[in-house]
C-alpha atoms as a PDB file:
ATOM      1  CA  UNK A   1     113.021 160.662 283.336  1.00  0.00           C
ATOM      2  CA  UNK A   2     110.037 158.317 283.116  1.00  0.00           C
ATOM      3  CA  UNK A   3     110.659 157.145 286.677  1.00  0.00           C
ATOM      4  CA  UNK A   4     110.927 160.706 287.977  1.00  0.00           C
ATOM      5  CA  UNK A   5     107.906 162.341 286.419  1.00  0.00           C
ATOM      6  CA  UNK A   6     105.335 159.680 285.674  1.00  0.00           C
ATOM      7  CA  UNK A   7     104.642 156.517 283.741  1.00  0.00           C
ATOM      8  CA  UNK A   8     104.856 157.915 280.195  1.00  0.00           C
ATOM      9  CA  UNK A   9     106.927 161.071 280.440  1.00  0.00           C
ATOM     10  CA  UNK A  10     110.117 160.786 278.467  1.00  0.00           C
ATOM     11  CA  UNK A  11     109.075 157.770 276.399  1.00  0.00           C
ATOM     12  CA  UNK A  12     110.348 159.447 273.229  1.00  0.00           C
ATOM     13  CA  UNK A  13     113.818 159.940 274.673  1.00  0.00           C
ATOM     14  CA  UNK A  14     113.809 156.381 275.957  1.00  0.00           C
ATOM     15  CA  UNK A  15     113.024 155.020 272.511  1.00  0.00           C
ATOM     16  CA  UNK A  16     116.611 155.227 271.330  1.00  0.00           C
ATOM     17  CA  UNK A  17     118.552 156.416 274.334  1.00  0.00           C
ATOM     18  CA  UNK A  18     119.685 159.727 272.830  1.00  0.00           C
ATOM     19  CA  UNK A  19     118.445 163.287 272.609  1.00  0.00           C
ATOM     20  CA  UNK A  20     117.084 163.195 269.095  1.00  0.00           C
ATOM     21  CA  UNK A  21     116.477 166.934 268.860  1.00  0.00           C
ATOM     22  CA  UNK A  22     120.218 167.728 268.992  1.00  0.00           C
ATOM     23  CA  UNK A  23     121.072 169.427 265.704  1.00  0.00           C
ATOM     24  CA  UNK A  24     122.975 172.414 264.396  1.00  0.00           C
ATOM     25  CA  UNK A  25     119.649 173.690 263.046  1.00  0.00           C
ATOM     26  CA  UNK A  26     118.032 173.734 266.497  1.00  0.00           C
ATOM     27  CA  UNK A  27     117.256 177.043 268.234  1.00  0.00           C
ATOM     28  CA  UNK A  28     119.833 178.049 270.813  1.00  0.00           C
ATOM     29  CA  UNK A  29     117.483 178.827 273.690  1.00  0.00           C
ATOM     30  CA  UNK A  30     114.456 177.244 275.347  1.00  0.00           C
ATOM     31  CA  UNK A  31     111.119 177.057 273.593  1.00  0.00           C
ATOM     32  CA  UNK A  32     108.985 180.202 273.825  1.00  0.00           C
ATOM     33  CA  UNK A  33     106.036 177.860 274.312  1.00  0.00           C
ATOM     34  CA  UNK A  34     105.749 176.220 277.680  1.00  0.00           C
ATOM     35  CA  UNK A  35     103.289 174.474 279.944  1.00  0.00           C
ATOM     36  CA  UNK A  36     103.050 176.261 283.261  1.00  0.00           C
ATOM     37  CA  UNK A  37     102.449 173.497 285.795  1.00  0.00           C
ATOM     38  CA  UNK A  38     104.180 171.519 288.501  1.00  0.00           C
ATOM     39  CA  UNK A  39     106.100 168.330 287.782  1.00  0.00           C
ATOM     40  CA  UNK A  40     103.880 165.357 287.041  1.00  0.00           C
ATOM     41  CA  UNK A  41     103.598 163.054 290.075  1.00  0.00           C
ATOM     42  CA  UNK A  42     104.960 159.543 289.603  1.00  0.00           C
ATOM     43  CA  UNK A  43     101.630 157.918 290.485  1.00  0.00           C
ATOM     44  CA  UNK A  44      99.710 159.558 287.650  1.00  0.00           C
ATOM     45  CA  UNK A  45      99.112 157.826 284.303  1.00  0.00           C
ATOM     46  CA  UNK A  46     100.669 154.634 285.656  1.00  0.00           C
ATOM     47  CA  UNK A  47      97.712 152.237 285.346  1.00  0.00           C
ATOM     48  CA  UNK A  48      95.543 151.915 282.225  1.00  0.00           C
ATOM     49  CA  UNK A  49      92.426 151.187 284.238  1.00  0.00           C
ATOM     50  CA  UNK A  50      92.699 153.353 287.344  1.00  0.00           C
ATOM     51  CA  UNK A  51      93.858 156.863 288.125  1.00  0.00           C
ATOM     52  CA  UNK A  52      96.244 157.723 290.948  1.00  0.00           C
ATOM     53  CA  UNK A  53      93.197 158.630 293.051  1.00  0.00           C
ATOM     54  CA  UNK A  54      91.699 155.164 292.499  1.00  0.00           C
ATOM     55  CA  UNK A  55      88.964 156.270 290.118  1.00  0.00           C
ATOM     56  CA  UNK A  56      88.108 154.404 286.901  1.00  0.00           C
ATOM     57  CA  UNK A  57      90.095 155.822 283.994  1.00  0.00           C
ATOM     58  CA  UNK A  58      88.176 157.003 280.943  1.00  0.00           C
ATOM     59  CA  UNK A  59      88.633 155.178 277.659  1.00  0.00           C
ATOM     60  CA  UNK A  60      87.533 155.918 274.100  1.00  0.00           C
ATOM     61  CA  UNK A  61      85.984 153.394 271.703  1.00  0.00           C
ATOM     62  CA  UNK A  62      86.555 153.670 267.974  1.00  0.00           C
ATOM     63  CA  UNK A  63      83.288 155.078 266.618  1.00  0.00           C
ATOM     64  CA  UNK A  64      84.358 155.073 262.971  1.00  0.00           C
ATOM     65  CA  UNK A  65      87.720 155.217 261.229  1.00  0.00           C
ATOM     66  CA  UNK A  66      87.384 158.669 259.673  1.00  0.00           C
ATOM     67  CA  UNK A  67      91.123 159.389 259.326  1.00  0.00           C
ATOM     68  CA  UNK A  68      94.120 157.114 258.882  1.00  0.00           C
ATOM     69  CA  UNK A  69      97.382 158.923 259.531  1.00  0.00           C
ATOM     70  CA  UNK A  70     100.546 157.758 257.809  1.00  0.00           C
ATOM     71  CA  UNK A  71     103.679 158.868 259.630  1.00  0.00           C
ATOM     72  CA  UNK A  72     106.229 159.254 256.857  1.00  0.00           C
ATOM     73  CA  UNK A  73     109.189 159.148 259.289  1.00  0.00           C
ATOM     74  CA  UNK A  74     110.699 161.407 261.947  1.00  0.00           C
ATOM     75  CA  UNK A  75     113.473 162.876 259.801  1.00  0.00           C
ATOM     76  CA  UNK A  76     112.950 166.613 259.335  1.00  0.00           C
ATOM     77  CA  UNK A  77     114.906 169.575 258.037  1.00  0.00           C
ATOM     78  CA  UNK A  78     114.250 171.343 261.368  1.00  0.00           C
ATOM     79  CA  UNK A  79     114.874 170.467 265.011  1.00  0.00           C
ATOM     80  CA  UNK A  80     112.245 172.452 266.893  1.00  0.00           C
ATOM     81  CA  UNK A  81     112.727 173.238 270.550  1.00  0.00           C
ATOM     82  CA  UNK A  82     109.595 171.400 271.707  1.00  0.00           C
ATOM     83  CA  UNK A  83     108.676 168.934 268.974  1.00  0.00           C
ATOM     84  CA  UNK A  84     106.467 166.312 270.637  1.00  0.00           C
ATOM     85  CA  UNK A  85     107.867 163.597 268.369  1.00  0.00           C
ATOM     86  CA  UNK A  86     111.492 164.867 268.540  1.00  0.00           C
ATOM     87  CA  UNK A  87     111.830 165.181 264.761  1.00  0.00           C
ATOM     88  CA  UNK A  88     115.189 166.422 263.512  1.00  0.00           C
ATOM     89  CA  UNK A  89     117.676 165.986 260.648  1.00  0.00           C
ATOM     90  CA  UNK A  90     119.164 163.013 262.542  1.00  0.00           C
ATOM     91  CA  UNK A  91     116.178 161.322 264.208  1.00  0.00           C
ATOM     92  CA  UNK A  92     115.102 158.156 262.397  1.00  0.00           C
ATOM     93  CA  UNK A  93     113.347 156.569 265.370  1.00  0.00           C
ATOM     94  CA  UNK A  94     110.441 156.284 262.952  1.00  0.00           C
ATOM     95  CA  UNK A  95     111.957 155.244 259.633  1.00  0.00           C
ATOM     96  CA  UNK A  96     110.638 156.304 256.237  1.00  0.00           C
ATOM     97  CA  UNK A  97     107.313 154.634 255.484  1.00  0.00           C
ATOM     98  CA  UNK A  98     107.607 153.123 252.020  1.00  0.00           C
ATOM     99  CA  UNK A  99     104.827 153.121 249.457  1.00  0.00           C
ATOM    100  CA  UNK A 100     104.848 149.310 249.337  1.00  0.00           C
ATOM    101  CA  UNK A 101     104.531 149.063 253.128  1.00  0.00           C
ATOM    102  CA  UNK A 102     101.663 151.569 253.179  1.00  0.00           C
ATOM    103  CA  UNK A 103      99.586 149.922 250.444  1.00  0.00           C
ATOM    104  CA  UNK A 104      97.979 147.264 252.713  1.00  0.00           C
ATOM    105  CA  UNK A 105      96.800 150.031 255.045  1.00  0.00           C
ATOM    106  CA  UNK A 106      95.356 152.029 252.151  1.00  0.00           C
ATOM    107  CA  UNK A 107      93.614 148.873 250.919  1.00  0.00           C
ATOM    108  CA  UNK A 108      92.201 148.264 254.376  1.00  0.00           C
ATOM    109  CA  UNK A 109      91.133 151.903 254.767  1.00  0.00           C
ATOM    110  CA  UNK A 110      89.185 151.627 251.498  1.00  0.00           C
ATOM    111  CA  UNK A 111      87.327 148.613 252.841  1.00  0.00           C
ATOM    112  CA  UNK A 112      86.499 150.524 256.042  1.00  0.00           C
ATOM    113  CA  UNK A 113      85.101 153.557 254.178  1.00  0.00           C
ATOM    114  CA  UNK A 114      87.731 155.853 255.650  1.00  0.00           C
ATOM    115  CA  UNK A 115      87.308 159.421 254.374  1.00  0.00           C
ATOM    116  CA  UNK A 116      90.736 160.946 254.870  1.00  0.00           C
ATOM    117  CA  UNK A 117      94.409 159.998 254.824  1.00  0.00           C
ATOM    118  CA  UNK A 118      96.643 162.319 256.832  1.00  0.00           C
ATOM    119  CA  UNK A 119     100.403 162.602 256.345  1.00  0.00           C
ATOM    120  CA  UNK A 120     102.678 163.718 259.134  1.00  0.00           C
ATOM    121  CA  UNK A 121     106.321 163.348 260.107  1.00  0.00           C
ATOM    122  CA  UNK A 122     108.960 164.603 260.468  1.00  0.00           C
ATOM    123  CA  UNK A 123     108.658 166.456 257.220  1.00  0.00           C
ATOM    124  CA  UNK A 124     106.689 164.285 254.762  1.00  0.00           C
ATOM    125  CA  UNK A 125     108.349 165.783 251.687  1.00  0.00           C
ATOM    126  CA  UNK A 126     111.720 164.372 252.816  1.00  0.00           C
ATOM    127  CA  UNK A 127     110.459 160.805 252.370  1.00  0.00           C
ATOM    128  CA  UNK A 128     111.451 159.594 248.845  1.00  0.00           C
ATOM    129  CA  UNK A 129     108.180 157.665 248.574  1.00  0.00           C
ATOM    130  CA  UNK A 130     105.938 160.494 249.699  1.00  0.00           C
ATOM    131  CA  UNK A 131     104.787 161.751 246.291  1.00  0.00           C
ATOM    132  CA  UNK A 132     103.851 158.244 245.050  1.00  0.00           C
ATOM    133  CA  UNK A 133     102.024 157.703 248.362  1.00  0.00           C
ATOM    134  CA  UNK A 134     100.145 160.971 248.029  1.00  0.00           C
ATOM    135  CA  UNK A 135      99.212 160.315 244.418  1.00  0.00           C
ATOM    136  CA  UNK A 136      97.993 156.801 245.254  1.00  0.00           C
ATOM    137  CA  UNK A 137      95.917 158.199 248.123  1.00  0.00           C
ATOM    138  CA  UNK A 138      94.179 160.735 245.896  1.00  0.00           C
ATOM    139  CA  UNK A 139      93.670 158.268 243.037  1.00  0.00           C
ATOM    140  CA  UNK A 140      91.788 156.012 245.450  1.00  0.00           C
ATOM    141  CA  UNK A 141      89.346 158.828 246.229  1.00  0.00           C
ATOM    142  CA  UNK A 142      90.505 159.711 249.720  1.00  0.00           C
ATOM    143  CA  UNK A 143      90.824 163.280 250.885  1.00  0.00           C
ATOM    144  CA  UNK A 144      94.480 163.985 251.715  1.00  0.00           C
ATOM    145  CA  UNK A 145      95.728 166.227 254.532  1.00  0.00           C
ATOM    146  CA  UNK A 146      99.472 166.940 254.431  1.00  0.00           C
ATOM    147  CA  UNK A 147     101.274 168.533 257.386  1.00  0.00           C
ATOM    148  CA  UNK A 148     104.396 170.376 256.273  1.00  0.00           C
ATOM    149  CA  UNK A 149     106.651 173.304 257.121  1.00  0.00           C
ATOM    150  CA  UNK A 150     106.478 174.513 253.461  1.00  0.00           C
ATOM    151  CA  UNK A 151     110.249 174.868 253.276  1.00  0.00           C
ATOM    152  CA  UNK A 152     112.838 173.546 250.819  1.00  0.00           C
ATOM    153  CA  UNK A 153     111.781 169.849 250.916  1.00  0.00           C
ATOM    154  CA  UNK A 154     108.290 170.830 249.752  1.00  0.00           C
ATOM    155  CA  UNK A 155     109.489 173.392 247.217  1.00  0.00           C
ATOM    156  CA  UNK A 156     111.501 170.716 245.391  1.00  0.00           C
ATOM    157  CA  UNK A 157     108.187 169.150 244.354  1.00  0.00           C
ATOM    158  CA  UNK A 158     106.341 172.192 243.023  1.00  0.00           C
ATOM    159  CA  UNK A 159     105.613 170.714 239.579  1.00  0.00           C
ATOM    160  CA  UNK A 160     104.186 167.499 241.043  1.00  0.00           C
ATOM    161  CA  UNK A 161     102.085 169.437 243.547  1.00  0.00           C
ATOM    162  CA  UNK A 162     100.682 171.682 240.839  1.00  0.00           C
ATOM    163  CA  UNK A 163      99.670 168.633 238.810  1.00  0.00           C
ATOM    164  CA  UNK A 164      97.923 167.101 241.836  1.00  0.00           C
ATOM    165  CA  UNK A 165      96.151 170.361 242.639  1.00  0.00           C
ATOM    166  CA  UNK A 166      94.977 170.616 239.039  1.00  0.00           C
ATOM    167  CA  UNK A 167      93.522 167.105 239.127  1.00  0.00           C
ATOM    168  CA  UNK A 168      92.220 166.842 242.687  1.00  0.00           C
ATOM    169  CA  UNK A 169      91.609 170.451 243.785  1.00  0.00           C
ATOM    170  CA  UNK A 170      90.058 170.624 247.272  1.00  0.00           C
ATOM    171  CA  UNK A 171      90.687 166.924 247.942  1.00  0.00           C
ATOM    172  CA  UNK A 172      94.299 167.893 248.686  1.00  0.00           C
ATOM    173  CA  UNK A 173      94.794 170.140 251.730  1.00  0.00           C
ATOM    174  CA  UNK A 174      98.188 171.315 252.953  1.00  0.00           C
ATOM    175  CA  UNK A 175      98.378 172.435 256.584  1.00  0.00           C
ATOM    176  CA  UNK A 176     101.497 174.495 257.148  1.00  0.00           C
ATOM    177  CA  UNK A 177     103.122 174.944 260.540  1.00  0.00           C
ATOM    178  CA  UNK A 178     103.657 178.603 261.374  1.00  0.00           C
ATOM    179  CA  UNK A 179     104.234 178.519 265.091  1.00  0.00           C
ATOM    180  CA  UNK A 180     103.491 182.170 265.717  1.00  0.00           C
ATOM    181  CA  UNK A 181     102.431 185.345 263.965  1.00  0.00           C
ATOM    182  CA  UNK A 182     105.806 186.912 264.806  1.00  0.00           C
ATOM    183  CA  UNK A 183     109.168 185.974 263.352  1.00  0.00           C
ATOM    184  CA  UNK A 184     110.940 186.162 266.715  1.00  0.00           C
ATOM    185  CA  UNK A 185     108.704 183.618 268.420  1.00  0.00           C
ATOM    186  CA  UNK A 186     108.493 181.334 265.378  1.00  0.00           C
ATOM    187  CA  UNK A 187     112.290 181.231 265.085  1.00  0.00           C
ATOM    188  CA  UNK A 188     112.637 180.868 268.843  1.00  0.00           C
ATOM    189  CA  UNK A 189     110.846 177.543 268.425  1.00  0.00           C
ATOM    190  CA  UNK A 190     111.994 176.465 264.942  1.00  0.00           C
ATOM    191  CA  UNK A 191     115.479 177.899 264.720  1.00  0.00           C
ATOM    192  CA  UNK A 192     117.149 180.808 262.939  1.00  0.00           C
ATOM    193  CA  UNK A 193     116.330 181.474 259.290  1.00  0.00           C
ATOM    194  CA  UNK A 194     113.170 179.354 259.429  1.00  0.00           C
ATOM    195  CA  UNK A 195     110.662 182.216 259.074  1.00  0.00           C
ATOM    196  CA  UNK A 196     111.377 183.571 255.602  1.00  0.00           C
ATOM    197  CA  UNK A 197     111.349 180.166 253.809  1.00  0.00           C
ATOM    198  CA  UNK A 198     108.107 179.214 255.555  1.00  0.00           C
ATOM    199  CA  UNK A 199     106.461 182.474 254.511  1.00  0.00           C
ATOM    200  CA  UNK A 200     107.715 182.046 250.946  1.00  0.00           C
ATOM    201  CA  UNK A 201     106.273 178.526 250.831  1.00  0.00           C
ATOM    202  CA  UNK A 202     102.943 179.726 252.193  1.00  0.00           C
ATOM    203  CA  UNK A 203     102.773 182.502 249.615  1.00  0.00           C
ATOM    204  CA  UNK A 204     103.584 180.069 246.823  1.00  0.00           C
ATOM    205  CA  UNK A 205     100.804 177.700 247.896  1.00  0.00           C
ATOM    206  CA  UNK A 206      98.337 180.565 248.258  1.00  0.00           C
ATOM    207  CA  UNK A 207      99.298 182.166 244.947  1.00  0.00           C
ATOM    208  CA  UNK A 208      98.721 178.858 243.165  1.00  0.00           C
ATOM    209  CA  UNK A 209      95.296 178.216 244.639  1.00  0.00           C
ATOM    210  CA  UNK A 210      95.970 175.253 246.938  1.00  0.00           C
ATOM    211  CA  UNK A 211      93.475 174.362 249.643  1.00  0.00           C
ATOM    212  CA  UNK A 212      95.460 175.683 252.555  1.00  0.00           C
ATOM    213  CA  UNK A 213      95.441 175.726 256.351  1.00  0.00           C
ATOM    214  CA  UNK A 214      97.904 176.903 258.982  1.00  0.00           C
ATOM    215  CA  UNK A 215      98.797 175.324 262.325  1.00  0.00           C
ATOM    216  CA  UNK A 216      99.802 177.863 264.948  1.00  0.00           C
ATOM    217  CA  UNK A 217     100.376 178.177 268.671  1.00  0.00           C
ATOM    218  CA  UNK A 218     100.032 180.769 271.401  1.00  0.00           C
ATOM    219  CA  UNK A 219     102.648 181.865 273.907  1.00  0.00           C
ATOM    220  CA  UNK A 220     101.668 181.644 277.589  1.00  0.00           C
ATOM    221  CA  UNK A 221      99.047 184.233 278.447  1.00  0.00           C
ATOM    222  CA  UNK A 222      98.184 185.014 274.833  1.00  0.00           C
ATOM    223  CA  UNK A 223      94.484 185.398 274.131  1.00  0.00           C
ATOM    224  CA  UNK A 224      93.074 183.304 271.277  1.00  0.00           C
ATOM    225  CA  UNK A 225      90.979 186.129 269.856  1.00  0.00           C
ATOM    226  CA  UNK A 226      93.989 188.454 269.798  1.00  0.00           C
ATOM    227  CA  UNK A 227      96.178 185.724 268.294  1.00  0.00           C
ATOM    228  CA  UNK A 228      93.681 185.224 265.454  1.00  0.00           C
ATOM    229  CA  UNK A 229      93.596 188.962 264.809  1.00  0.00           C
ATOM    230  CA  UNK A 230      97.390 189.063 264.613  1.00  0.00           C
ATOM    231  CA  UNK A 231      97.487 186.070 262.255  1.00  0.00           C
ATOM    232  CA  UNK A 232      94.764 187.707 260.133  1.00  0.00           C
ATOM    233  CA  UNK A 233      96.839 190.873 259.848  1.00  0.00           C
ATOM    234  CA  UNK A 234      99.910 188.843 258.903  1.00  0.00           C
ATOM    235  CA  UNK A 235      98.026 186.907 256.218  1.00  0.00           C
ATOM    236  CA  UNK A 236      96.602 190.132 254.803  1.00  0.00           C
ATOM    237  CA  UNK A 237     100.059 191.758 254.634  1.00  0.00           C
ATOM    238  CA  UNK A 238     101.591 188.707 252.986  1.00  0.00           C
ATOM    239  CA  UNK A 239      98.717 187.979 250.595  1.00  0.00           C
ATOM    240  CA  UNK A 240      98.033 184.526 252.065  1.00  0.00           C
ATOM    241  CA  UNK A 241      94.501 183.237 251.469  1.00  0.00           C
ATOM    242  CA  UNK A 242      93.787 181.740 254.896  1.00  0.00           C
ATOM    243  CA  UNK A 243      90.836 182.821 257.027  1.00  0.00           C
ATOM    244  CA  UNK A 244      92.417 183.232 260.466  1.00  0.00           C
ATOM    245  CA  UNK A 245      88.977 183.321 262.105  1.00  0.00           C
ATOM    246  CA  UNK A 246      88.019 179.879 260.757  1.00  0.00           C
ATOM    247  CA  UNK A 247      89.213 177.242 263.288  1.00  0.00           C
ATOM    248  CA  UNK A 248      89.522 174.699 260.475  1.00  0.00           C
ATOM    249  CA  UNK A 249      91.870 176.984 258.511  1.00  0.00           C
ATOM    250  CA  UNK A 250      93.908 178.380 261.389  1.00  0.00           C
ATOM    251  CA  UNK A 251      94.302 175.625 263.952  1.00  0.00           C
ATOM    252  CA  UNK A 252      95.733 176.889 267.253  1.00  0.00           C
ATOM    253  CA  UNK A 253      96.990 173.863 269.120  1.00  0.00           C
ATOM    254  CA  UNK A 254      97.321 173.618 272.911  1.00  0.00           C
ATOM    255  CA  UNK A 255     100.796 173.007 274.299  1.00  0.00           C
ATOM    256  CA  UNK A 256     101.945 169.582 275.446  1.00  0.00           C
ATOM    257  CA  UNK A 257     104.514 168.518 278.033  1.00  0.00           C
ATOM    258  CA  UNK A 258     104.400 164.975 279.345  1.00  0.00           C
ATOM    259  CA  UNK A 259     106.550 165.977 282.335  1.00  0.00           C
ATOM    260  CA  UNK A 260     104.055 168.566 283.650  1.00  0.00           C
ATOM    261  CA  UNK A 261     101.129 167.872 285.933  1.00  0.00           C
ATOM    262  CA  UNK A 262      97.613 167.592 284.539  1.00  0.00           C
ATOM    263  CA  UNK A 263      94.352 166.077 285.773  1.00  0.00           C
ATOM    264  CA  UNK A 264      93.688 162.464 284.827  1.00  0.00           C
ATOM    265  CA  UNK A 265      90.469 161.840 282.924  1.00  0.00           C
ATOM    266  CA  UNK A 266      87.999 159.586 284.726  1.00  0.00           C
ATOM    267  CA  UNK A 267      84.743 158.098 283.516  1.00  0.00           C
ATOM    268  CA  UNK A 268      82.964 160.798 285.520  1.00  0.00           C
ATOM    269  CA  UNK A 269      84.712 163.610 283.671  1.00  0.00           C
ATOM    270  CA  UNK A 270      82.538 163.299 280.575  1.00  0.00           C
ATOM    271  CA  UNK A 271      79.432 164.606 282.347  1.00  0.00           C
ATOM    272  CA  UNK A 272      81.409 167.126 284.421  1.00  0.00           C
ATOM    273  CA  UNK A 273      83.038 168.602 281.294  1.00  0.00           C
ATOM    274  CA  UNK A 274      79.965 168.269 279.090  1.00  0.00           C
ATOM    275  CA  UNK A 275      81.946 166.173 276.607  1.00  0.00           C
ATOM    276  CA  UNK A 276      81.674 162.746 275.016  1.00  0.00           C
ATOM    277  CA  UNK A 277      84.285 160.082 274.227  1.00  0.00           C
ATOM    278  CA  UNK A 278      83.229 160.560 270.592  1.00  0.00           C
ATOM    279  CA  UNK A 279      84.743 164.066 270.723  1.00  0.00           C
ATOM    280  CA  UNK A 280      88.261 162.713 271.240  1.00  0.00           C
ATOM    281  CA  UNK A 281      90.642 162.160 268.321  1.00  0.00           C
ATOM    282  CA  UNK A 282      91.126 158.420 268.913  1.00  0.00           C
ATOM    283  CA  UNK A 283      87.372 157.882 268.423  1.00  0.00           C
ATOM    284  CA  UNK A 284      87.854 158.479 264.705  1.00  0.00           C
ATOM    285  CA  UNK A 285      91.525 158.032 263.810  1.00  0.00           C
ATOM    286  CA  UNK A 286      94.600 155.796 263.987  1.00  0.00           C
ATOM    287  CA  UNK A 287      98.218 156.276 262.858  1.00  0.00           C
ATOM    288  CA  UNK A 288     100.538 153.923 260.972  1.00  0.00           C
ATOM    289  CA  UNK A 289     104.166 154.101 262.124  1.00  0.00           C
ATOM    290  CA  UNK A 290     107.299 152.150 261.223  1.00  0.00           C
ATOM    291  CA  UNK A 291     109.551 152.129 264.273  1.00  0.00           C
ATOM    292  CA  UNK A 292     113.252 151.639 263.715  1.00  0.00           C
ATOM    293  CA  UNK A 293     114.233 148.025 264.288  1.00  0.00           C
ATOM    294  CA  UNK A 294     110.744 146.614 263.745  1.00  0.00           C
ATOM    295  CA  UNK A 295     110.176 144.459 260.655  1.00  0.00           C
ATOM    296  CA  UNK A 296     107.011 146.189 259.464  1.00  0.00           C
ATOM    297  CA  UNK A 297     104.762 149.184 260.221  1.00  0.00           C
ATOM    298  CA  UNK A 298     102.269 148.974 263.041  1.00  0.00           C
ATOM    299  CA  UNK A 299      99.207 150.925 264.087  1.00  0.00           C
ATOM    300  CA  UNK A 300      99.344 153.388 266.972  1.00  0.00           C
ATOM    301  CA  UNK A 301      96.312 154.782 268.727  1.00  0.00           C
ATOM    302  CA  UNK A 302      97.268 158.377 268.254  1.00  0.00           C
ATOM    303  CA  UNK A 303      99.371 160.824 266.269  1.00  0.00           C
ATOM    304  CA  UNK A 304     100.776 162.230 269.510  1.00  0.00           C
ATOM    305  CA  UNK A 305     102.073 159.043 271.140  1.00  0.00           C
ATOM    306  CA  UNK A 306     103.953 157.010 268.514  1.00  0.00           C
ATOM    307  CA  UNK A 307     106.574 155.310 270.669  1.00  0.00           C
ATOM    308  CA  UNK A 308     104.878 153.922 273.774  1.00  0.00           C
ATOM    309  CA  UNK A 309     103.921 150.241 273.753  1.00  0.00           C
ATOM    310  CA  UNK A 310     100.623 150.884 275.579  1.00  0.00           C
ATOM    311  CA  UNK A 311      99.411 152.810 272.516  1.00  0.00           C
ATOM    312  CA  UNK A 312     100.567 150.197 269.992  1.00  0.00           C
ATOM    313  CA  UNK A 313      97.404 148.475 268.766  1.00  0.00           C
ATOM    314  CA  UNK A 314      98.556 145.897 266.234  1.00  0.00           C
ATOM    315  CA  UNK A 315      99.630 145.089 262.689  1.00  0.00           C
ATOM    316  CA  UNK A 316      96.393 146.082 260.971  1.00  0.00           C
ATOM    317  CA  UNK A 317      93.661 148.683 261.217  1.00  0.00           C
ATOM    318  CA  UNK A 318      91.206 145.932 262.102  1.00  0.00           C
ATOM    319  CA  UNK A 319      93.374 144.878 265.055  1.00  0.00           C
ATOM    320  CA  UNK A 320      93.518 148.508 266.169  1.00  0.00           C
ATOM    321  CA  UNK A 321      89.747 148.900 266.495  1.00  0.00           C
ATOM    322  CA  UNK A 322      89.614 148.450 270.266  1.00  0.00           C
ATOM    323  CA  UNK A 323      89.141 151.035 273.006  1.00  0.00           C
ATOM    324  CA  UNK A 324      91.982 153.361 273.977  1.00  0.00           C
ATOM    325  CA  UNK A 325      92.603 154.078 277.650  1.00  0.00           C
ATOM    326  CA  UNK A 326      93.361 157.775 278.208  1.00  0.00           C
ATOM    327  CA  UNK A 327      96.520 156.915 280.087  1.00  0.00           C
ATOM    328  CA  UNK A 328      98.869 159.691 279.020  1.00  0.00           C
ATOM    329  CA  UNK A 329      99.195 163.406 279.868  1.00  0.00           C
ATOM    330  CA  UNK A 330      98.665 164.269 276.187  1.00  0.00           C
ATOM    331  CA  UNK A 331      95.247 162.586 276.297  1.00  0.00           C
ATOM    332  CA  UNK A 332      94.180 164.976 279.024  1.00  0.00           C
ATOM    333  CA  UNK A 333      95.976 168.203 278.083  1.00  0.00           C
ATOM    334  CA  UNK A 334      95.668 168.133 274.292  1.00  0.00           C
ATOM    335  CA  UNK A 335      92.569 166.095 273.507  1.00  0.00           C
ATOM    336  CA  UNK A 336      90.062 166.230 276.344  1.00  0.00           C
ATOM    337  CA  UNK A 337      90.802 169.462 278.207  1.00  0.00           C
ATOM    338  CA  UNK A 338      92.397 171.155 275.186  1.00  0.00           C
ATOM    339  CA  UNK A 339      89.622 170.029 272.842  1.00  0.00           C
ATOM    340  CA  UNK A 340      92.116 169.627 269.985  1.00  0.00           C
ATOM    341  CA  UNK A 341      92.378 167.179 267.095  1.00  0.00           C
ATOM    342  CA  UNK A 342      95.024 166.719 264.417  1.00  0.00           C
ATOM    343  CA  UNK A 343      92.431 165.776 261.785  1.00  0.00           C
ATOM    344  CA  UNK A 344      90.698 168.193 259.436  1.00  0.00           C
END
């Protein structure tokens, strides 16, 4: 696939040679979310310094390390139709990050005055070390942002979560994935019987006063204003305390597909688009991942590209402080043109 559609397309599938999203929990049909574009030409995103048209490729320096993401592992209770990281009940391409292995990165983040530790997966609550990791993070004074689907793995830890909320209040934010404001579309992406448990988890978090956000998406052609109105109506019906009109509380992410064509970002694009390299996620964040078969965790440039060697920046946060070449379709579609960020 990588040879057919461009330098980085299909890197996740190439990581272990299997289709990691195969699972009995996966939805039967194609994802209701799609990128409408032609196939990515082979010549694009092939050189870290130059675009296919021979123009200098844009890169992003690390301005400050605002957020350190800890990927807790790719195992998940769901196998979504278009998960960018191919999480599933069987995918351990990123193995569970242990508390002991994460401690050096937390120590280093303290020394770098990092504000926030983000947790993503997979489903973080499936990692046996996740609660000790979260507690350690909060005890050190970091803000914690946890991405979850709010289903059974999270609900097993209600007592521990209540204790952390009582002690740390707004320092702990849970961002719950609710892919659409309709059950049909949400389950078309996440699989049958995924809607009701997610809604129950959201209501539980809301009822117990957690600092809460929701991550959603829009189907092709859906207007953002209308989508927010529909989410607002859903939250009102369900008694969920999330302001759908606040972009920090309802995050509507752009779609990603590394196999579909997108413009490459050149150094000249910043002035054309009226944007700055400092606006891009890798200007303020890095992600710690433990790839299967590697002896220890390493630091990746981005939450969206955990497998590709070009975005592997070293063993430590200090090593990972260099510039990041925007040499992947996700850099263009999600971050620069989409204006999105995984951080709070």
